[in-house]
Amino acid sequence: MQRTQSRMPARLARANPTTVFLVTLVLVLVAFFTPGVVGGLFTLLLAAAVAALLVTTWSVQTAPTRVIRLVALTLLVTAGLVKLF
């Protein structure tokens, strides 16, 4: 199992950026346009998934990429909390 975990960040970092962007965009739009508390919870759930991915791929990302991803995660959490309350 250790061997699989050590290769996981590199595999995730090689994912097709266009596909990842489009899937994430669709999920964010669904979360933003879902009304009320359900939309807020879905947005925060999406933020948790992005945070898990960020932690997993942290070691193989450059510093500028890390900053951009942290800013995007912060905006997503903020949007989820605003929508929730």
N, C-alpha and C. Protein backbone atom coordinates (compact mmCIF):
# COMPACT_ATOMS: atom_id res chain seq x y z
N MET A 1 0.83 -1.20 0.00
CA MET A 1 0.00 0.00 0.00
C MET A 1 0.87 1.26 0.00
N GLN A 2 1.97 1.22 0.69
CA GLN A 2 2.85 2.38 0.75
C GLN A 2 3.32 2.77 -0.64
N ARG A 3 3.60 1.79 -1.48
CA ARG A 3 4.08 2.06 -2.82
C ARG A 3 3.01 2.80 -3.64
N THR A 4 1.75 2.41 -3.51
CA THR A 4 0.65 3.07 -4.22
C THR A 4 0.48 4.50 -3.75
N GLN A 5 0.59 4.72 -2.44
CA GLN A 5 0.44 6.08 -1.92
C GLN A 5 1.56 6.99 -2.39
N SER A 6 2.76 6.47 -2.54
CA SER A 6 3.87 7.32 -2.96
C SER A 6 3.73 7.75 -4.42
N ARG A 7 3.02 6.97 -5.24
CA ARG A 7 2.82 7.33 -6.64
C ARG A 7 1.58 8.18 -6.86
N MET A 8 0.69 8.21 -5.89
CA MET A 8 -0.59 8.91 -6.06
C MET A 8 -0.42 10.40 -6.37
N PRO A 9 0.39 11.16 -5.63
CA PRO A 9 0.51 12.60 -5.95
C PRO A 9 1.00 12.85 -7.37
N ALA A 10 1.94 12.07 -7.81
CA ALA A 10 2.46 12.27 -9.16
C ALA A 10 1.40 11.95 -10.21
N ARG A 11 0.62 10.91 -9.98
CA ARG A 11 -0.46 10.57 -10.92
C ARG A 11 -1.52 11.65 -10.95
N LEU A 12 -1.89 12.17 -9.79
CA LEU A 12 -2.90 13.23 -9.75
C LEU A 12 -2.40 14.50 -10.41
N ALA A 13 -1.13 14.79 -10.25
CA ALA A 13 -0.57 16.00 -10.85
C ALA A 13 -0.52 15.90 -12.37
N ARG A 14 -0.50 14.69 -12.90
CA ARG A 14 -0.47 14.50 -14.36
C ARG A 14 -1.86 14.47 -14.99
N ALA A 15 -2.91 14.64 -14.21
CA ALA A 15 -4.27 14.61 -14.75
C ALA A 15 -4.43 15.71 -15.80
N ASN A 16 -5.26 15.45 -16.78
CA ASN A 16 -5.51 16.40 -17.85
C ASN A 16 -6.12 17.68 -17.25
N PRO A 17 -5.43 18.80 -17.33
CA PRO A 17 -5.91 20.04 -16.71
C PRO A 17 -7.26 20.52 -17.27
N THR A 18 -7.48 20.33 -18.54
CA THR A 18 -8.74 20.78 -19.14
C THR A 18 -9.91 19.97 -18.58
N THR A 19 -9.75 18.67 -18.50
CA THR A 19 -10.81 17.83 -17.97
C THR A 19 -11.09 18.15 -16.51
N VAL A 20 -10.03 18.29 -15.74
CA VAL A 20 -10.19 18.62 -14.32
C VAL A 20 -10.89 19.96 -14.16
N PHE A 21 -10.51 20.94 -14.97
CA PHE A 21 -11.14 22.26 -14.90
C PHE A 21 -12.62 22.18 -15.24
N LEU A 22 -12.97 21.48 -16.32
CA LEU A 22 -14.37 21.41 -16.73
C LEU A 22 -15.24 20.67 -15.72
N VAL A 23 -14.73 19.58 -15.17
CA VAL A 23 -15.50 18.84 -14.16
C VAL A 23 -15.68 19.71 -12.92
N THR A 24 -14.62 20.37 -12.50
CA THR A 24 -14.72 21.25 -11.33
C THR A 24 -15.67 22.41 -11.59
N LEU A 25 -15.62 22.99 -12.77
CA LEU A 25 -16.53 24.08 -13.13
C LEU A 25 -17.98 23.64 -13.05
N VAL A 26 -18.28 22.48 -13.58
CA VAL A 26 -19.66 21.97 -13.53
C VAL A 26 -20.10 21.77 -12.09
N LEU A 27 -19.24 21.17 -11.27
CA LEU A 27 -19.60 20.94 -9.86
C LEU A 27 -19.80 22.26 -9.11
N VAL A 28 -18.94 23.23 -9.36
CA VAL A 28 -19.07 24.54 -8.70
C VAL A 28 -20.37 25.23 -9.14
N LEU A 29 -20.68 25.19 -10.42
CA LEU A 29 -21.91 25.82 -10.90
C LEU A 29 -23.15 25.15 -10.31
N VAL A 30 -23.14 23.83 -10.22
CA VAL A 30 -24.26 23.13 -9.59
C VAL A 30 -24.37 23.55 -8.13
N ALA A 31 -23.25 23.62 -7.44
CA ALA A 31 -23.27 24.02 -6.03
C ALA A 31 -23.76 25.45 -5.86
N PHE A 32 -23.32 26.36 -6.73
CA PHE A 32 -23.72 27.76 -6.61
C PHE A 32 -25.19 27.98 -6.94
N PHE A 33 -25.72 27.22 -7.88
CA PHE A 33 -27.10 27.43 -8.30
C PHE A 33 -28.11 26.57 -7.57
N THR A 34 -27.65 25.67 -6.72
CA THR A 34 -28.56 24.91 -5.87
C THR A 34 -28.96 25.83 -4.72
N PRO A 35 -30.26 26.01 -4.53
CA PRO A 35 -30.70 27.02 -3.55
C PRO A 35 -30.52 26.59 -2.09
N GLY A 36 -30.37 27.61 -1.25
CA GLY A 36 -30.42 27.44 0.20
C GLY A 36 -29.28 26.68 0.82
N VAL A 37 -29.64 26.03 1.93
CA VAL A 37 -28.67 25.32 2.75
C VAL A 37 -28.04 24.16 1.98
N VAL A 38 -28.83 23.51 1.14
CA VAL A 38 -28.30 22.38 0.37
C VAL A 38 -27.15 22.84 -0.53
N GLY A 39 -27.31 23.98 -1.17
CA GLY A 39 -26.25 24.53 -2.01
C GLY A 39 -25.01 24.88 -1.21
N GLY A 40 -25.22 25.46 -0.02
CA GLY A 40 -24.10 25.79 0.85
C GLY A 40 -23.35 24.56 1.32
N LEU A 41 -24.10 23.53 1.70
CA LEU A 41 -23.46 22.29 2.13
C LEU A 41 -22.73 21.61 0.98
N PHE A 42 -23.32 21.63 -0.20
CA PHE A 42 -22.67 21.03 -1.36
C PHE A 42 -21.38 21.79 -1.70
N THR A 43 -21.42 23.11 -1.57
CA THR A 43 -20.23 23.92 -1.82
C THR A 43 -19.13 23.59 -0.81
N LEU A 44 -19.49 23.45 0.45
CA LEU A 44 -18.49 23.10 1.47
C LEU A 44 -17.98 21.67 1.28
N LEU A 45 -18.83 20.77 0.83
CA LEU A 45 -18.40 19.41 0.53
C LEU A 45 -17.41 19.40 -0.63
N LEU A 46 -17.68 20.21 -1.62
CA LEU A 46 -16.76 20.36 -2.75
C LEU A 46 -15.42 20.95 -2.27
N ALA A 47 -15.49 21.92 -1.37
CA ALA A 47 -14.27 22.51 -0.81
C ALA A 47 -13.46 21.48 -0.04
N ALA A 48 -14.13 20.59 0.67
CA ALA A 48 -13.43 19.54 1.41
C ALA A 48 -12.72 18.59 0.44
N ALA A 49 -13.36 18.27 -0.67
CA ALA A 49 -12.73 17.40 -1.67
C ALA A 49 -11.52 18.09 -2.29
N VAL A 50 -11.65 19.39 -2.57
CA VAL A 50 -10.52 20.15 -3.12
C VAL A 50 -9.38 20.21 -2.10
N ALA A 51 -9.71 20.38 -0.83
CA ALA A 51 -8.68 20.42 0.21
C ALA A 51 -7.95 19.08 0.31
N ALA A 52 -8.69 17.98 0.22
CA ALA A 52 -8.06 16.66 0.26
C ALA A 52 -7.13 16.47 -0.93
N LEU A 53 -7.56 16.92 -2.09
CA LEU A 53 -6.73 16.83 -3.28
C LEU A 53 -5.49 17.72 -3.14
N LEU A 54 -5.66 18.89 -2.56
CA LEU A 54 -4.54 19.81 -2.35
C LEU A 54 -3.50 19.20 -1.41
N VAL A 55 -3.95 18.58 -0.35
CA VAL A 55 -3.03 17.94 0.60
C VAL A 55 -2.30 16.78 -0.08
N THR A 56 -3.02 16.02 -0.87
CA THR A 56 -2.42 14.86 -1.53
C THR A 56 -1.35 15.25 -2.54
N THR A 57 -1.57 16.34 -3.27
CA THR A 57 -0.65 16.71 -4.34
C THR A 57 0.33 17.82 -3.92
N TRP A 58 0.31 18.22 -2.67
CA TRP A 58 1.13 19.34 -2.20
C TRP A 58 2.62 19.16 -2.53
N SER A 59 3.13 17.96 -2.34
CA SER A 59 4.57 17.74 -2.48
C SER A 59 5.06 17.83 -3.93
N VAL A 60 4.18 17.70 -4.90
CA VAL A 60 4.61 17.73 -6.30
C VAL A 60 4.23 19.03 -7.01
N GLN A 61 3.70 20.00 -6.28
CA GLN A 61 3.30 21.27 -6.87
C GLN A 61 4.35 22.34 -6.62
N THR A 62 4.43 23.29 -7.54
CA THR A 62 5.33 24.42 -7.37
C THR A 62 4.70 25.44 -6.43
N ALA A 63 5.51 26.34 -5.93
CA ALA A 63 5.01 27.36 -4.99
C ALA A 63 3.90 28.23 -5.60
N PRO A 64 4.04 28.73 -6.82
CA PRO A 64 2.94 29.54 -7.39
C PRO A 64 1.64 28.75 -7.54
N THR A 65 1.75 27.48 -7.89
CA THR A 65 0.56 26.65 -8.02
C THR A 65 -0.10 26.45 -6.67
N ARG A 66 0.70 26.28 -5.64
CA ARG A 66 0.15 26.12 -4.29
C ARG A 66 -0.62 27.36 -3.87
N VAL A 67 -0.08 28.54 -4.16
CA VAL A 67 -0.74 29.79 -3.79
C VAL A 67 -2.08 29.92 -4.51
N ILE A 68 -2.09 29.64 -5.80
CA ILE A 68 -3.33 29.74 -6.59
C ILE A 68 -4.38 28.78 -6.05
N ARG A 69 -3.97 27.58 -5.73
CA ARG A 69 -4.92 26.59 -5.22
C ARG A 69 -5.43 26.96 -3.83
N LEU A 70 -4.58 27.53 -3.00
CA LEU A 70 -5.03 27.98 -1.68
C LEU A 70 -6.03 29.13 -1.80
N VAL A 71 -5.78 30.04 -2.73
CA VAL A 71 -6.71 31.15 -2.95
C VAL A 71 -8.05 30.62 -3.44
N ALA A 72 -8.02 29.68 -4.39
CA ALA A 72 -9.26 29.10 -4.91
C ALA A 72 -10.02 28.36 -3.80
N LEU A 73 -9.30 27.64 -2.96
CA LEU A 73 -9.95 26.94 -1.84
C LEU A 73 -10.57 27.92 -0.86
N THR A 74 -9.86 29.00 -0.58
CA THR A 74 -10.39 30.02 0.33
C THR A 74 -11.66 30.65 -0.23
N LEU A 75 -11.67 30.95 -1.51
CA LEU A 75 -12.86 31.52 -2.14
C LEU A 75 -14.03 30.54 -2.13
N LEU A 76 -13.74 29.28 -2.34
CA LEU A 76 -14.80 28.27 -2.34
C LEU A 76 -15.40 28.10 -0.95
N VAL A 77 -14.57 28.06 0.07
CA VAL A 77 -15.07 27.96 1.45
C VAL A 77 -15.87 29.20 1.81
N THR A 78 -15.37 30.37 1.44
CA THR A 78 -16.10 31.62 1.71
C THR A 78 -17.46 31.61 1.04
N ALA A 79 -17.51 31.21 -0.21
CA ALA A 79 -18.78 31.16 -0.93
C ALA A 79 -19.74 30.19 -0.27
N GLY A 80 -19.24 29.04 0.16
CA GLY A 80 -20.08 28.07 0.83
C GLY A 80 -20.65 28.58 2.14
N LEU A 81 -19.81 29.27 2.92
CA LEU A 81 -20.28 29.82 4.20
C LEU A 81 -21.28 30.95 3.99
N VAL A 82 -21.04 31.79 3.00
CA VAL A 82 -21.97 32.88 2.69
C VAL A 82 -23.31 32.30 2.27
N LYS A 83 -23.28 31.29 1.45
CA LYS A 83 -24.52 30.67 0.97
C LYS A 83 -25.25 29.95 2.11
N LEU A 84 -24.49 29.39 3.02
CA LEU A 84 -25.07 28.67 4.14
C LEU A 84 -25.76 29.61 5.13
N PHE A 85 -25.14 30.75 5.37
CA PHE A 85 -25.70 31.69 6.34
C PHE A 85 -26.30 32.85 5.61
